[in-house]
Each structure stands twice: as C-alpha cells, then as structure tokens.
C-alpha cells in the first residue's frame, strides 16, 4: 500500500470516529488528513532508517 492510500484510509477511519462521536478531538477532514500524512511519513522514515541500520529486516514483497 502506498502512503497516499494509507493516509486516505486512516483519514476515513478518523472521520467515522468523529461522526460517531467516539473521537476525543473534533477536527475537519483536512486537519485529519494533514496530521495523518505527517505521522505516516514520520513513521515510514523511522522504519527506513531502522532497516538501513540493520535493526529490522525489510519486509518481503507481497504480490
């Protein structure tokens, strides 16, 4: 799954939680998307660095 797909999926889940009033924060869809994009990008960079340093293995390709 690419970053955009993951971000869109996470945004949809967050918006549903807001709609159902189970989310603590009441954000707009744009705010959710921006925050989600930043978090996912950050985690992806961290994972890439851990792979480069040899702390974790690269996941196998899934066809």
PDB file of N, CA and C in Angstrom:
ATOM      1  N   UNK A   1       0.843  -1.171   0.000  1.00  0.00           N
ATOM      2  CA  UNK A   1       0.000   0.000   0.000  1.00  0.00           C
ATOM      3  C   UNK A   1       0.895   1.244   0.000  1.00  0.00           C
ATOM      4  N   UNK A   2       0.570   2.204  -0.826  1.00  0.00           N
ATOM      5  CA  UNK A   2       1.392   3.408  -0.851  1.00  0.00           C
ATOM      6  C   UNK A   2       0.943   4.395   0.234  1.00  0.00           C
ATOM      7  N   UNK A   3       1.752   5.406   0.466  1.00  0.00           N
ATOM      8  CA  UNK A   3       1.496   6.375   1.539  1.00  0.00           C
ATOM      9  C   UNK A   3       0.154   7.069   1.384  1.00  0.00           C
ATOM     10  N   UNK A   4      -0.177   7.436   0.158  1.00  0.00           N
ATOM     11  CA  UNK A   4      -1.439   8.148  -0.067  1.00  0.00           C
ATOM     12  C   UNK A   4      -2.634   7.273   0.288  1.00  0.00           C
ATOM     13  N   UNK A   5      -2.584   6.011  -0.096  1.00  0.00           N
ATOM     14  CA  UNK A   5      -3.677   5.093   0.209  1.00  0.00           C
ATOM     15  C   UNK A   5      -3.837   4.925   1.715  1.00  0.00           C
ATOM     16  N   UNK A   6      -2.724   4.741   2.405  1.00  0.00           N
ATOM     17  CA  UNK A   6      -2.758   4.583   3.866  1.00  0.00           C
ATOM     18  C   UNK A   6      -3.314   5.845   4.516  1.00  0.00           C
ATOM     19  N   UNK A   7      -2.880   7.005   4.040  1.00  0.00           N
ATOM     20  CA  UNK A   7      -3.344   8.271   4.601  1.00  0.00           C
ATOM     21  C   UNK A   7      -4.847   8.449   4.372  1.00  0.00           C
ATOM     22  N   UNK A   8      -5.314   8.142   3.191  1.00  0.00           N
ATOM     23  CA  UNK A   8      -6.747   8.262   2.895  1.00  0.00           C
ATOM     24  C   UNK A   8      -7.574   7.303   3.745  1.00  0.00           C
ATOM     25  N   UNK A   9      -7.081   6.084   3.903  1.00  0.00           N
ATOM     26  CA  UNK A   9      -7.789   5.097   4.719  1.00  0.00           C
ATOM     27  C   UNK A   9      -7.853   5.557   6.182  1.00  0.00           C
ATOM     28  N   UNK A  10      -6.724   5.999   6.713  1.00  0.00           N
ATOM     29  CA  UNK A  10      -6.675   6.464   8.106  1.00  0.00           C
ATOM     30  C   UNK A  10      -7.577   7.672   8.314  1.00  0.00           C
ATOM     31  N   UNK A  11      -7.613   8.558   7.330  1.00  0.00           N
ATOM     32  CA  UNK A  11      -8.480   9.736   7.410  1.00  0.00           C
ATOM     33  C   UNK A  11      -9.947   9.314   7.447  1.00  0.00           C
ATOM     34  N   UNK A  12     -10.315   8.358   6.606  1.00  0.00           N
ATOM     35  CA  UNK A  12     -11.705   7.878   6.585  1.00  0.00           C
ATOM     36  C   UNK A  12     -12.104   7.266   7.928  1.00  0.00           C
ATOM     37  N   UNK A  13     -11.199   6.498   8.516  1.00  0.00           N
ATOM     38  CA  UNK A  13     -11.471   5.885   9.820  1.00  0.00           C
ATOM     39  C   UNK A  13     -11.638   6.967  10.894  1.00  0.00           C
ATOM     40  N   UNK A  14     -10.757   7.945  10.879  1.00  0.00           N
ATOM     41  CA  UNK A  14     -10.842   9.038  11.855  1.00  0.00           C
ATOM     42  C   UNK A  14     -12.132   9.833  11.689  1.00  0.00           C
ATOM     43  N   UNK A  15     -12.511  10.095  10.449  1.00  0.00           N
ATOM     44  CA  UNK A  15     -13.736  10.861  10.211  1.00  0.00           C
ATOM     45  C   UNK A  15     -14.965  10.091  10.685  1.00  0.00           C
ATOM     46  N   UNK A  16     -14.957   8.778  10.527  1.00  0.00           N
ATOM     47  CA  UNK A  16     -16.069   7.957  11.017  1.00  0.00           C
ATOM     48  C   UNK A  16     -16.138   8.009  12.542  1.00  0.00           C
ATOM     49  N   UNK A  17     -14.974   7.983  13.195  1.00  0.00           N
ATOM     50  CA  UNK A  17     -14.930   8.078  14.665  1.00  0.00           C
ATOM     51  C   UNK A  17     -15.471   9.434  15.125  1.00  0.00           C
ATOM     52  N   UNK A  18     -15.133  10.489  14.395  1.00  0.00           N
ATOM     53  CA  UNK A  18     -15.656  11.822  14.730  1.00  0.00           C
ATOM     54  C   UNK A  18     -17.166  11.846  14.525  1.00  0.00           C
ATOM     55  N   UNK A  19     -17.620  11.298  13.407  1.00  0.00           N
ATOM     56  CA  UNK A  19     -19.056  11.254  13.096  1.00  0.00           C
ATOM     57  C   UNK A  19     -19.834  10.510  14.175  1.00  0.00           C
ATOM     58  N   UNK A  20     -19.264   9.412  14.669  1.00  0.00           N
ATOM     59  CA  UNK A  20     -19.937   8.595  15.677  1.00  0.00           C
ATOM     60  C   UNK A  20     -19.703   9.109  17.099  1.00  0.00           C
ATOM     61  N   UNK A  21     -19.004  10.222  17.201  1.00  0.00           N
ATOM     62  CA  UNK A  21     -18.736  10.895  18.484  1.00  0.00           C
ATOM     63  C   UNK A  21     -17.952  10.025  19.462  1.00  0.00           C
ATOM     64  N   UNK A  22     -17.041   9.201  18.946  1.00  0.00           N
ATOM     65  CA  UNK A  22     -16.153   8.432  19.818  1.00  0.00           C
ATOM     66  C   UNK A  22     -14.739   9.006  19.812  1.00  0.00           C
ATOM     67  N   UNK A  23     -14.492   9.985  18.954  1.00  0.00           N
ATOM     68  CA  UNK A  23     -13.177  10.636  18.898  1.00  0.00           C
ATOM     69  C   UNK A  23     -13.125  11.751  19.939  1.00  0.00           C
ATOM     70  N   UNK A  24     -11.964  11.890  20.578  1.00  0.00           N
ATOM     71  CA  UNK A  24     -11.809  12.967  21.554  1.00  0.00           C
ATOM     72  C   UNK A  24     -11.673  14.316  20.878  1.00  0.00           C
ATOM     73  N   UNK A  25     -10.996  14.350  19.723  1.00  0.00           N
ATOM     74  CA  UNK A  25     -10.787  15.597  19.003  1.00  0.00           C
ATOM     75  C   UNK A  25     -11.803  15.721  17.877  1.00  0.00           C
ATOM     76  N   UNK A  26     -12.300  16.904  17.691  1.00  0.00           N
ATOM     77  CA  UNK A  26     -13.243  17.169  16.600  1.00  0.00           C
ATOM     78  C   UNK A  26     -12.505  18.007  15.560  1.00  0.00           C
ATOM     79  N   UNK A  27     -11.954  17.352  14.563  1.00  0.00           N
ATOM     80  CA  UNK A  27     -11.168  18.020  13.528  1.00  0.00           C
ATOM     81  C   UNK A  27     -11.905  17.965  12.202  1.00  0.00           C
ATOM     82  N   UNK A  28     -11.524  18.878  11.300  1.00  0.00           N
ATOM     83  CA  UNK A  28     -12.055  18.819   9.946  1.00  0.00           C
ATOM     84  C   UNK A  28     -11.341  17.706   9.195  1.00  0.00           C
ATOM     85  N   UNK A  29     -11.895  17.308   8.067  1.00  0.00           N
ATOM     86  CA  UNK A  29     -11.260  16.270   7.264  1.00  0.00           C
ATOM     87  C   UNK A  29      -9.874  16.707   6.804  1.00  0.00           C
ATOM     88  N   UNK A  30      -9.733  17.974   6.461  1.00  0.00           N
ATOM     89  CA  UNK A  30      -8.430  18.492   6.036  1.00  0.00           C
ATOM     90  C   UNK A  30      -7.406  18.417   7.172  1.00  0.00           C
ATOM     91  N   UNK A  31      -7.825  18.782   8.379  1.00  0.00           N
ATOM     92  CA  UNK A  31      -6.917  18.715   9.532  1.00  0.00           C
ATOM     93  C   UNK A  31      -6.493  17.276   9.807  1.00  0.00           C
ATOM     94  N   UNK A  32      -7.459  16.370   9.744  1.00  0.00           N
ATOM     95  CA  UNK A  32      -7.155  14.956   9.966  1.00  0.00           C
ATOM     96  C   UNK A  32      -6.171  14.461   8.913  1.00  0.00           C
ATOM     97  N   UNK A  33      -6.418  14.781   7.651  1.00  0.00           N
ATOM     98  CA  UNK A  33      -5.550  14.334   6.566  1.00  0.00           C
ATOM     99  C   UNK A  33      -4.128  14.843   6.772  1.00  0.00           C
ATOM    100  N   UNK A  34      -3.992  16.132   7.089  1.00  0.00           N
ATOM    101  CA  UNK A  34      -2.662  16.726   7.277  1.00  0.00           C
ATOM    102  C   UNK A  34      -1.918  16.071   8.438  1.00  0.00           C
ATOM    103  N   UNK A  35      -2.594  15.895   9.563  1.00  0.00           N
ATOM    104  CA  UNK A  35      -1.949  15.271  10.724  1.00  0.00           C
ATOM    105  C   UNK A  35      -1.574  13.818  10.425  1.00  0.00           C
ATOM    106  N   UNK A  36      -2.467  13.103   9.757  1.00  0.00           N
ATOM    107  CA  UNK A  36      -2.219  11.711   9.405  1.00  0.00           C
ATOM    108  C   UNK A  36      -1.038  11.596   8.449  1.00  0.00           C
ATOM    109  N   UNK A  37      -0.991  12.468   7.469  1.00  0.00           N
ATOM    110  CA  UNK A  37       0.101  12.455   6.491  1.00  0.00           C
ATOM    111  C   UNK A  37       1.451  12.671   7.180  1.00  0.00           C
ATOM    112  N   UNK A  38       1.497  13.600   8.122  1.00  0.00           N
ATOM    113  CA  UNK A  38       2.740  13.875   8.857  1.00  0.00           C
ATOM    114  C   UNK A  38       3.152  12.654   9.687  1.00  0.00           C
ATOM    115  N   UNK A  39       2.195  12.063  10.392  1.00  0.00           N
ATOM    116  CA  UNK A  39       2.512  10.906  11.235  1.00  0.00           C
ATOM    117  C   UNK A  39       2.993   9.715  10.411  1.00  0.00           C
ATOM    118  N   UNK A  40       2.297   9.421   9.329  1.00  0.00           N
ATOM    119  CA  UNK A  40       2.665   8.271   8.500  1.00  0.00           C
ATOM    120  C   UNK A  40       4.024   8.487   7.853  1.00  0.00           C
ATOM    121  N   UNK A  41       4.284   9.677   7.351  1.00  0.00           N
ATOM    122  CA  UNK A  41       5.587   9.980   6.742  1.00  0.00           C
ATOM    123  C   UNK A  41       6.709   9.819   7.756  1.00  0.00           C
ATOM    124  N   UNK A  42       6.474  10.284   8.966  1.00  0.00           N
ATOM    125  CA  UNK A  42       7.475  10.189  10.023  1.00  0.00           C
ATOM    126  C   UNK A  42       7.798   8.730  10.347  1.00  0.00           C
ATOM    127  N   UNK A  43       6.770   7.921  10.498  1.00  0.00           N
ATOM    128  CA  UNK A  43       6.968   6.505  10.807  1.00  0.00           C
ATOM    129  C   UNK A  43       7.690   5.797   9.660  1.00  0.00           C
ATOM    130  N   UNK A  44       7.333   6.120   8.426  1.00  0.00           N
ATOM    131  CA  UNK A  44       7.992   5.496   7.279  1.00  0.00           C
ATOM    132  C   UNK A  44       9.478   5.842   7.243  1.00  0.00           C
ATOM    133  N   UNK A  45       9.829   7.090   7.563  1.00  0.00           N
ATOM    134  CA  UNK A  45      11.248   7.486   7.622  1.00  0.00           C
ATOM    135  C   UNK A  45      11.968   6.724   8.732  1.00  0.00           C
ATOM    136  N   UNK A  46      11.326   6.588   9.883  1.00  0.00           N
ATOM    137  CA  UNK A  46      11.933   5.866  11.001  1.00  0.00           C
ATOM    138  C   UNK A  46      12.168   4.398  10.642  1.00  0.00           C
ATOM    139  N   UNK A  47      11.198   3.778  10.011  1.00  0.00           N
ATOM    140  CA  UNK A  47      11.340   2.376   9.613  1.00  0.00           C
ATOM    141  C   UNK A  47      12.469   2.221   8.599  1.00  0.00           C
ATOM    142  N   UNK A  48      12.531   3.122   7.635  1.00  0.00           N
ATOM    143  CA  UNK A  48      13.593   3.072   6.633  1.00  0.00           C
ATOM    144  C   UNK A  48      14.965   3.170   7.307  1.00  0.00           C
ATOM    145  N   UNK A  49      15.088   4.058   8.287  1.00  0.00           N
ATOM    146  CA  UNK A  49      16.361   4.232   8.995  1.00  0.00           C
ATOM    147  C   UNK A  49      16.720   2.976   9.788  1.00  0.00           C
ATOM    148  N   UNK A  50      15.727   2.368  10.443  1.00  0.00           N
ATOM    149  CA  UNK A  50      15.984   1.147  11.206  1.00  0.00           C
ATOM    150  C   UNK A  50      16.435   0.006  10.290  1.00  0.00           C
ATOM    151  N   UNK A  51      15.875  -0.050   9.088  1.00  0.00           N
ATOM    152  CA  UNK A  51      16.302  -1.054   8.112  1.00  0.00           C
ATOM    153  C   UNK A  51      17.739  -0.776   7.686  1.00  0.00           C
ATOM    154  N   UNK A  52      18.043   0.485   7.372  1.00  0.00           N
ATOM    155  CA  UNK A  52      19.400   0.862   6.955  1.00  0.00           C
ATOM    156  C   UNK A  52      20.433   0.536   8.022  1.00  0.00           C
ATOM    157  N   UNK A  53      20.070   0.712   9.291  1.00  0.00           N
ATOM    158  CA  UNK A  53      20.996   0.452  10.394  1.00  0.00           C
ATOM    159  C   UNK A  53      21.057  -1.027  10.772  1.00  0.00           C
ATOM    160  N   UNK A  54      20.192  -1.841  10.172  1.00  0.00           N
ATOM    161  CA  UNK A  54      20.216  -3.272  10.423  1.00  0.00           C
ATOM    162  C   UNK A  54      19.459  -3.726  11.654  1.00  0.00           C
ATOM    163  N   UNK A  55      18.660  -2.854  12.246  1.00  0.00           N
ATOM    164  CA  UNK A  55      17.894  -3.231  13.437  1.00  0.00           C
ATOM    165  C   UNK A  55      16.679  -4.074  13.091  1.00  0.00           C
ATOM    166  N   UNK A  56      16.123  -3.856  11.913  1.00  0.00           N
ATOM    167  CA  UNK A  56      14.992  -4.655  11.464  1.00  0.00           C
ATOM    168  C   UNK A  56      15.221  -5.053  10.003  1.00  0.00           C
ATOM    169  N   UNK A  57      14.573  -6.117   9.593  1.00  0.00           N
ATOM    170  CA  UNK A  57      14.695  -6.572   8.217  1.00  0.00           C
ATOM    171  C   UNK A  57      13.608  -5.925   7.358  1.00  0.00           C
ATOM    172  N   UNK A  58      13.927  -5.771   6.090  1.00  0.00           N
ATOM    173  CA  UNK A  58      12.934  -5.260   5.152  1.00  0.00           C
ATOM    174  C   UNK A  58      11.849  -6.319   4.983  1.00  0.00           C
ATOM    175  N   UNK A  59      10.580  -5.895   4.964  1.00  0.00           N
ATOM    176  CA  UNK A  59       9.521  -6.877   4.797  1.00  0.00           C
ATOM    177  C   UNK A  59       9.554  -7.495   3.407  1.00  0.00           C
ATOM    178  N   UNK A  60       9.071  -8.736   3.297  1.00  0.00           N
ATOM    179  CA  UNK A  60       9.076  -9.382   1.971  1.00  0.00           C
ATOM    180  C   UNK A  60       8.053  -8.697   1.052  1.00  0.00           C
ATOM    181  N   UNK A  61       8.316  -8.789  -0.259  1.00  0.00           N
ATOM    182  CA  UNK A  61       7.367  -8.256  -1.235  1.00  0.00           C
ATOM    183  C   UNK A  61       6.121  -9.120  -1.241  1.00  0.00           C
ATOM    184  N   UNK A  62       4.986  -8.459  -1.269  1.00  0.00           N
ATOM    185  CA  UNK A  62       3.706  -9.183  -1.335  1.00  0.00           C
ATOM    186  C   UNK A  62       3.110  -8.918  -2.701  1.00  0.00           C
ATOM    187  N   UNK A  63       2.896  -9.974  -3.428  1.00  0.00           N
ATOM    188  CA  UNK A  63       2.374  -9.826  -4.803  1.00  0.00           C
ATOM    189  C   UNK A  63       0.882  -9.776  -4.818  1.00  0.00           C
TER     190      UNK A  63
END
